[in-house]
Protein backbone atom coordinates (compact mmCIF):
# COMPACT_ATOMS: atom_id res chain seq x y z
CA MET A 1 102.64 111.58 82.58
CA GLN A 2 103.19 107.97 82.76
CA TYR A 3 102.07 104.63 83.01
CA GLN A 4 102.07 102.95 86.80
CA ALA A 5 100.65 99.49 87.64
CA VAL A 6 98.81 99.73 90.48
CA VAL A 7 97.47 98.03 93.35
CA ARG A 8 94.65 99.63 95.20
CA LYS A 9 93.39 95.90 96.89
CA PHE A 10 95.25 92.87 97.88
CA GLY A 11 94.65 89.63 95.93
CA PRO A 12 95.82 87.48 92.82
CA ALA A 13 98.42 89.75 90.81
CA GLU A 14 96.82 89.14 87.48
CA GLU A 15 92.88 90.19 89.02
CA VAL A 16 94.49 93.18 91.30
CA VAL A 17 96.92 94.58 89.20
CA GLY A 18 95.61 98.03 86.91
CA ILE A 19 97.55 100.20 85.01
CA GLU A 20 96.87 103.37 85.34
CA ARG A 21 98.35 107.25 83.56
CA ALA A 22 99.62 109.27 86.32
CA GLU A 23 101.39 113.21 86.48
CA LEU A 24 105.02 113.05 87.46
CA ALA A 25 105.77 114.77 90.74
CA PRO A 26 108.08 117.65 91.36
CA LEU A 27 111.63 115.92 91.35
CA SER A 28 112.88 116.58 94.83
CA ARG A 29 115.88 117.98 95.54
CA HIS A 30 117.73 115.21 97.43
CA GLN A 31 116.31 113.19 94.80
CA VAL A 32 117.05 111.72 91.41
CA ARG A 33 114.34 110.24 88.60
CA VAL A 34 115.34 106.78 87.15
CA ARG A 35 113.56 105.97 84.13
CA LEU A 36 112.91 102.74 84.08
CA LEU A 37 113.69 100.71 80.71
CA ALA A 38 113.23 96.88 81.79
CA ARG A 39 111.63 95.19 84.58
CA SER A 40 111.46 91.60 85.77
CA ILE A 41 108.33 89.42 87.27
CA ASN A 42 109.75 87.78 90.52
CA PRO A 43 107.44 85.97 93.28
CA SER A 44 108.75 88.41 95.76
CA ASP A 45 106.54 91.08 93.69
CA ILE A 46 103.54 88.64 93.55
CA ILE A 47 103.30 87.61 97.41
CA THR A 48 103.43 91.44 98.06
CA ILE A 49 100.69 91.50 95.95
CA SER A 50 98.80 88.95 97.25
CA GLY A 51 98.61 91.15 100.99
CA ALA A 52 101.12 88.50 102.63
CA TYR A 53 102.88 91.67 104.05
CA ALA A 54 99.91 93.60 104.07
CA GLY A 55 101.49 94.51 107.40
CA ARG A 56 104.57 96.72 105.60
CA THR A 57 102.99 97.36 102.47
CA THR A 58 100.40 100.84 102.26
CA LEU A 59 97.49 100.49 99.68
CA PRO A 60 97.90 101.68 96.77
CA PHE A 61 101.41 100.82 95.72
CA ILE A 62 103.21 100.44 92.80
CA PRO A 63 104.79 96.80 92.42
CA GLY A 64 108.33 96.04 91.11
CA PHE A 65 111.64 95.22 93.12
CA GLU A 66 113.94 94.43 90.30
CA ALA A 67 113.75 97.25 87.80
CA PHE A 68 116.81 98.72 85.73
CA GLY A 69 117.03 102.20 84.14
CA VAL A 70 118.53 105.82 83.50
CA VAL A 71 119.30 108.60 85.34
CA GLU A 72 116.93 111.25 83.77
CA ALA A 73 117.29 113.95 86.15
CA CYS A 74 118.84 114.81 89.49
CA GLY A 75 117.79 117.12 92.69
CA GLU A 76 120.25 119.79 93.46
CA GLU A 77 121.32 118.34 96.25
CA VAL A 78 122.69 115.49 94.82
CA ARG A 79 126.19 114.06 94.51
CA GLY A 80 127.35 110.97 92.67
CA LEU A 81 125.24 110.56 90.18
CA SER A 82 124.83 112.82 86.99
CA PRO A 83 121.74 112.20 84.15
CA GLY A 84 122.70 108.76 82.31
CA ALA A 85 123.88 107.02 84.75
CA ARG A 86 123.37 102.90 84.46
CA VAL A 87 121.46 102.04 87.58
CA LEU A 88 119.22 99.46 89.75
CA PRO A 89 116.76 101.46 92.22
CA VAL A 90 116.85 98.91 95.45
CA ARG A 91 115.44 98.71 98.70
CA SER A 92 111.68 99.54 97.83
CA ALA A 93 109.30 98.56 95.26
CA GLY A 94 107.85 100.89 92.34
CA GLY A 95 109.98 99.77 89.33
CA TRP A 96 106.46 98.70 87.65
CA GLN A 97 106.33 102.01 86.23
CA GLU A 98 108.24 104.74 83.74
CA PHE A 99 109.95 107.12 86.18
CA LYS A 100 111.17 106.55 89.45
CA ASP A 101 112.37 108.92 92.06
CA THR A 102 114.88 107.40 94.36
CA ASP A 103 117.41 108.55 96.99
CA PRO A 104 120.75 108.13 94.89
CA ALA A 105 122.02 105.92 98.04
CA TRP A 106 119.80 103.22 96.77
CA CYS A 107 120.88 103.12 93.33
CA LEU A 108 123.56 99.81 92.63
CA ARG A 109 125.75 101.62 89.37
CA VAL A 110 125.38 99.08 86.53
CA PRO A 111 128.66 98.22 84.28
CA ASP A 112 128.23 98.89 80.32
CA GLU A 113 129.01 95.57 79.52
CA LEU A 114 125.26 94.48 80.73
CA SER A 115 122.60 94.85 77.91
CA ASP A 116 119.61 95.78 79.71
CA PHE A 117 117.52 93.01 79.75
CA GLU A 118 121.06 90.82 82.03
CA ALA A 119 120.53 94.11 83.88
CA ALA A 120 116.62 93.42 85.28
CA THR A 121 117.39 90.40 85.63
CA SER A 122 121.14 91.07 88.19
CA TYR A 123 119.93 91.59 91.24
CA VAL A 124 117.18 89.43 92.83
CA ASN A 125 118.04 85.67 92.24
CA PRO A 126 122.21 86.41 91.19
CA MET A 127 122.55 88.53 94.44
CA THR A 128 120.28 85.86 96.36
CA ALA A 129 122.60 83.33 95.21
CA TRP A 130 125.34 85.28 95.68
CA LEU A 131 124.74 85.83 99.60
CA MET A 132 123.63 82.34 100.06
CA LEU A 133 126.73 81.32 98.81
CA HIS A 134 129.61 83.62 100.12
CA ASN A 135 127.59 85.20 103.21
CA LYS A 136 125.78 82.41 105.11
CA PHE A 137 128.72 79.70 105.05
CA GLY A 138 131.64 81.01 102.66
CA LEU A 139 131.72 78.73 99.60
CA ARG A 140 135.10 77.76 98.76
CA SER A 141 136.38 74.68 96.94
CA GLY A 142 136.37 71.33 98.03
CA MET A 143 132.89 71.80 99.52
CA ARG A 144 129.75 69.56 98.06
CA ILE A 145 126.19 71.12 98.26
CA ALA A 146 123.09 70.56 96.94
CA VAL A 147 120.42 72.70 95.33
CA ASN A 148 116.98 71.81 94.76
CA ALA A 149 115.02 73.34 91.79
CA ALA A 150 118.17 73.34 90.49
CA ALA A 151 116.58 74.12 87.03
CA SER A 152 114.87 77.34 88.27
CA SER A 153 116.81 80.85 87.06
CA ILE A 154 117.84 80.47 90.69
CA GLY A 155 119.29 77.23 90.56
CA SER A 156 121.30 77.18 87.76
CA ILE A 157 122.71 80.41 88.89
CA LEU A 158 123.41 78.80 91.78
CA ILE A 159 125.26 75.93 89.63
CA GLY A 160 127.36 79.07 88.03
CA MET A 161 128.37 80.45 90.77
CA ALA A 162 129.67 77.14 92.72
CA ASN A 163 131.50 76.06 89.56
CA ALA A 164 133.37 79.13 89.17
CA VAL A 165 135.08 77.96 92.75
CA GLY A 166 135.21 74.72 91.50
CA VAL A 167 132.42 72.90 93.25
CA GLU A 168 130.23 70.73 91.37
CA PRO A 169 126.67 70.81 93.29
CA ILE A 170 124.13 67.54 93.28
CA ALA A 171 121.13 69.22 91.28
CA ILE A 172 117.57 68.37 92.35
CA VAL A 173 114.89 68.07 89.90
CA ARG A 174 111.29 67.59 89.36
CA SER A 175 111.39 65.85 85.91
CA GLU A 176 112.72 65.01 82.78
CA GLU A 177 112.12 68.07 81.42
CA SER A 178 113.53 70.21 83.87
CA LEU A 179 116.41 67.37 83.57
CA ALA A 180 116.84 68.85 80.00
CA ARG A 181 117.12 72.34 81.04
CA LEU A 182 120.25 71.72 83.31
CA GLY A 183 123.72 73.16 82.41
CA GLY A 184 127.07 73.27 84.36
CA ARG A 185 129.45 70.95 85.77
CA LEU A 186 127.46 68.46 88.36
CA GLU A 187 128.45 65.72 91.08
CA ALA A 188 125.25 64.15 90.65
CA VAL A 189 121.26 64.72 89.27
CA ILE A 190 118.63 63.80 91.33
CA ILE A 191 114.77 63.39 89.76
CA ASP A 192 112.91 64.45 93.21
CA ARG A 193 109.05 63.51 91.31
CA ALA A 194 105.77 64.67 93.32
CA GLU A 195 104.54 61.81 94.42
CA GLY A 196 106.73 61.61 97.80
CA GLU A 197 109.67 62.02 99.26
CA SER A 198 111.35 58.46 98.05
CA ASP A 199 113.08 59.47 95.00
CA LEU A 200 114.83 61.91 97.10
CA ALA A 201 116.42 59.71 99.55
CA ALA A 202 117.55 57.01 97.45
CA GLY A 203 119.13 59.47 95.27
CA LEU A 204 120.97 60.85 98.68
CA ALA A 205 122.25 57.49 99.80
CA GLY A 206 125.81 57.11 99.70
CA ARG A 207 125.84 60.99 98.90
CA HIS A 208 125.96 62.24 102.88
CA GLY A 209 128.12 64.38 104.68
CA LEU A 210 127.64 67.53 102.56
CA ASP A 211 128.61 70.65 104.05
CA ALA A 212 125.52 73.05 102.76
CA VAL A 213 122.18 72.43 101.42
CA LEU A 214 120.09 75.01 99.23
CA ASP A 215 116.86 74.69 99.75
CA CYS A 216 113.67 76.78 98.27
CA VAL A 217 110.88 73.61 98.58
CA GLY A 218 110.26 73.02 102.34
CA GLY A 219 107.54 70.65 103.72
CA ALA A 220 109.01 67.08 104.71
CA ARG A 221 111.67 67.09 102.07
CA ALA A 222 113.61 69.33 103.96
CA LEU A 223 114.34 66.42 106.47
CA VAL A 224 115.49 63.93 103.29
CA LEU A 225 117.74 66.67 102.65
CA ALA A 226 118.81 67.29 106.19
CA ASP A 227 119.75 64.17 106.89
CA ALA A 228 122.65 64.19 104.10
CA LEU A 229 124.65 67.01 105.67
CA LYS A 230 127.76 66.44 107.83
CA PRO A 231 127.33 67.72 111.54
CA GLY A 232 127.37 71.30 111.87
CA GLY A 233 126.37 71.62 108.19
CA HIS A 234 124.64 74.26 106.84
CA PHE A 235 120.93 73.97 106.06
CA VAL A 236 119.77 77.65 104.25
CA HIS A 237 116.44 77.94 103.42
CA TYR A 238 114.89 80.26 100.74
CA GLY A 239 111.85 79.49 99.31
CA LEU A 240 108.51 77.42 99.70
CA LEU A 241 107.74 76.38 96.29
CA SER A 242 105.68 73.15 97.82
CA GLY A 243 103.26 75.59 99.87
CA GLN A 244 104.43 73.64 102.86
CA SER A 245 106.36 74.66 105.34
CA ILE A 246 109.57 72.63 106.96
CA PRO A 247 108.40 69.96 109.76
CA PRO A 248 108.71 71.47 113.39
CA ALA A 249 110.43 67.45 114.08
CA PHE A 250 113.35 69.20 111.55
CA TRP A 251 114.72 71.05 114.31
CA ALA A 252 114.30 68.00 116.51
CA SER A 253 115.79 65.59 114.73
CA HIS A 254 119.09 67.74 113.33
CA PRO A 255 120.63 69.72 116.27
CA ASP A 256 123.55 69.70 114.83
CA ILE A 257 123.49 71.83 111.89
CA ALA A 258 122.90 75.15 111.14
CA PHE A 259 119.85 76.20 110.24
CA SER A 260 119.56 79.62 108.35
CA TYR A 261 116.82 81.78 106.35
CA CYS A 262 117.92 83.98 103.50
CA HIS A 263 115.90 86.83 102.36
CA LEU A 264 117.95 89.66 99.94
CA ARG A 265 115.51 92.33 101.30
CA GLU A 266 116.74 92.02 105.50
CA TRP A 267 120.55 92.04 104.22
CA VAL A 268 119.79 95.18 102.05
CA HIS A 269 117.78 97.42 104.20
CA SER A 270 120.41 96.31 107.40
CA GLU A 271 124.24 96.26 105.29
CA ALA A 272 125.95 99.90 104.62
CA MET A 273 125.23 100.58 100.63
CA ASN A 274 128.70 100.45 99.90
CA ASN A 275 129.22 96.59 101.13
CA VAL A 276 125.63 95.89 98.34
CA GLN A 277 127.44 97.86 95.75
CA ARG A 278 130.75 95.67 95.95
CA ALA A 279 128.40 92.59 96.10
CA TYR A 280 126.63 93.65 93.32
CA SER A 281 130.01 94.25 91.31
CA GLU A 282 131.37 90.87 92.07
CA VAL A 283 127.68 89.40 90.28
CA ALA A 284 127.78 91.76 87.84
CA ALA A 285 131.23 90.70 86.31
CA GLN A 286 129.88 87.20 86.47
CA ILE A 287 127.50 88.22 84.18
CA ALA A 288 129.08 89.87 82.32
CA ALA A 289 132.29 86.67 81.87
CA LYS A 290 128.75 84.81 81.17
CA VAL A 291 129.66 82.69 84.35
CA ILE A 292 126.43 83.12 85.19
CA ALA A 293 122.94 83.59 82.90
CA THR A 294 119.28 83.98 83.21
CA GLU A 295 116.94 82.97 79.95
CA VAL A 296 114.62 85.61 78.83
CA ARG A 297 111.31 83.46 77.82
CA GLU A 298 108.68 86.64 77.11
CA VAL A 299 108.63 90.80 77.28
CA PHE A 300 105.68 92.43 77.25
CA PRO A 301 105.51 96.65 77.26
CA LEU A 302 104.14 98.02 80.26
CA GLU A 303 101.19 98.81 78.95
CA LYS A 304 100.07 95.27 78.64
CA ILE A 305 100.73 94.30 82.19
CA GLY A 306 97.75 92.13 82.35
CA ARG A 307 99.28 89.89 79.85
CA ALA A 308 102.75 89.31 81.22
CA LEU A 309 101.31 88.23 84.90
CA ARG A 310 99.71 85.85 83.15
CA SER A 311 102.26 84.52 80.82
CA ALA A 312 104.26 84.83 84.14
CA LEU A 313 101.96 82.49 86.14
CA PRO A 314 102.30 80.03 87.49
CA PHE A 315 106.27 80.55 87.82
CA ARG A 316 107.92 77.47 86.01
CA THR A 317 111.32 77.02 84.60
CA GLY A 318 111.78 78.27 81.10
CA GLY A 319 113.15 81.83 81.65
CA LYS A 320 111.94 84.85 83.07
CA VAL A 321 108.99 87.09 81.61
CA LEU A 322 110.46 91.13 81.34
CA ILE A 323 108.29 94.27 80.94
CA ALA A 324 109.90 96.41 78.85
């Protein structure tokens, strides 16, 4: 028997995620069984639970895209993995349970240098940051970039990765409280309050000619950020914290920039897994070396998933909530 967090109807996570007990099915000869030890709660989980991706999500389902564990058992046809291996099973949900049966080819190998909690936060945000910086536009020394929501978990990771190659970003935050959480080496800090775009425009005045903007806010502020890019500069959009889409006028008024979305899931599903593992190994090495880090705010047992969700939502700065 095992505990599972199960969604049987779409809706607000705090209302529709329930805890259940279930029998373990016989292990397939081609799969491994992973005993999951620590799991993150991410916006992608909550969006999926809400029904936003109902066309590709079959009810009932077990949420959780980021979970760390140890191989418990291997099917008789499995090669290359053995019990005791530390892994992150990716490419599918199912992390919010005690055991996950999965294809061994989808298991990223986790180095011993990472703690369980570091491993449980080493995939979604760090890999998304790596993908944006090194795959979308090839970050290198001498570039100038801007990062909004810079005090968030992924914002701090982007700053750390940028600093590692000698780049000092322009950090954009929403409050003095967020400002106090910033770390790393920065070209400038802009406090962009919620009232309008004037703070952002004033902060960026004289700071044009940027090579790249990393945007997870969207809305009309995207226009202001794009104005600061040099011709051919990169605008990478990966989130919608404002709840507002980028206005249609964005593309008409900025035809000379390189715009791209960034979705880790799409890349992982289309890329050869040896390339995903290679990228993950780079990320894990940076975590082990303390170049980047994720703060953990609270930890709840899986049986207390309701309390964990109430603590985690709405998402805010101040660290991740884990299920362990």
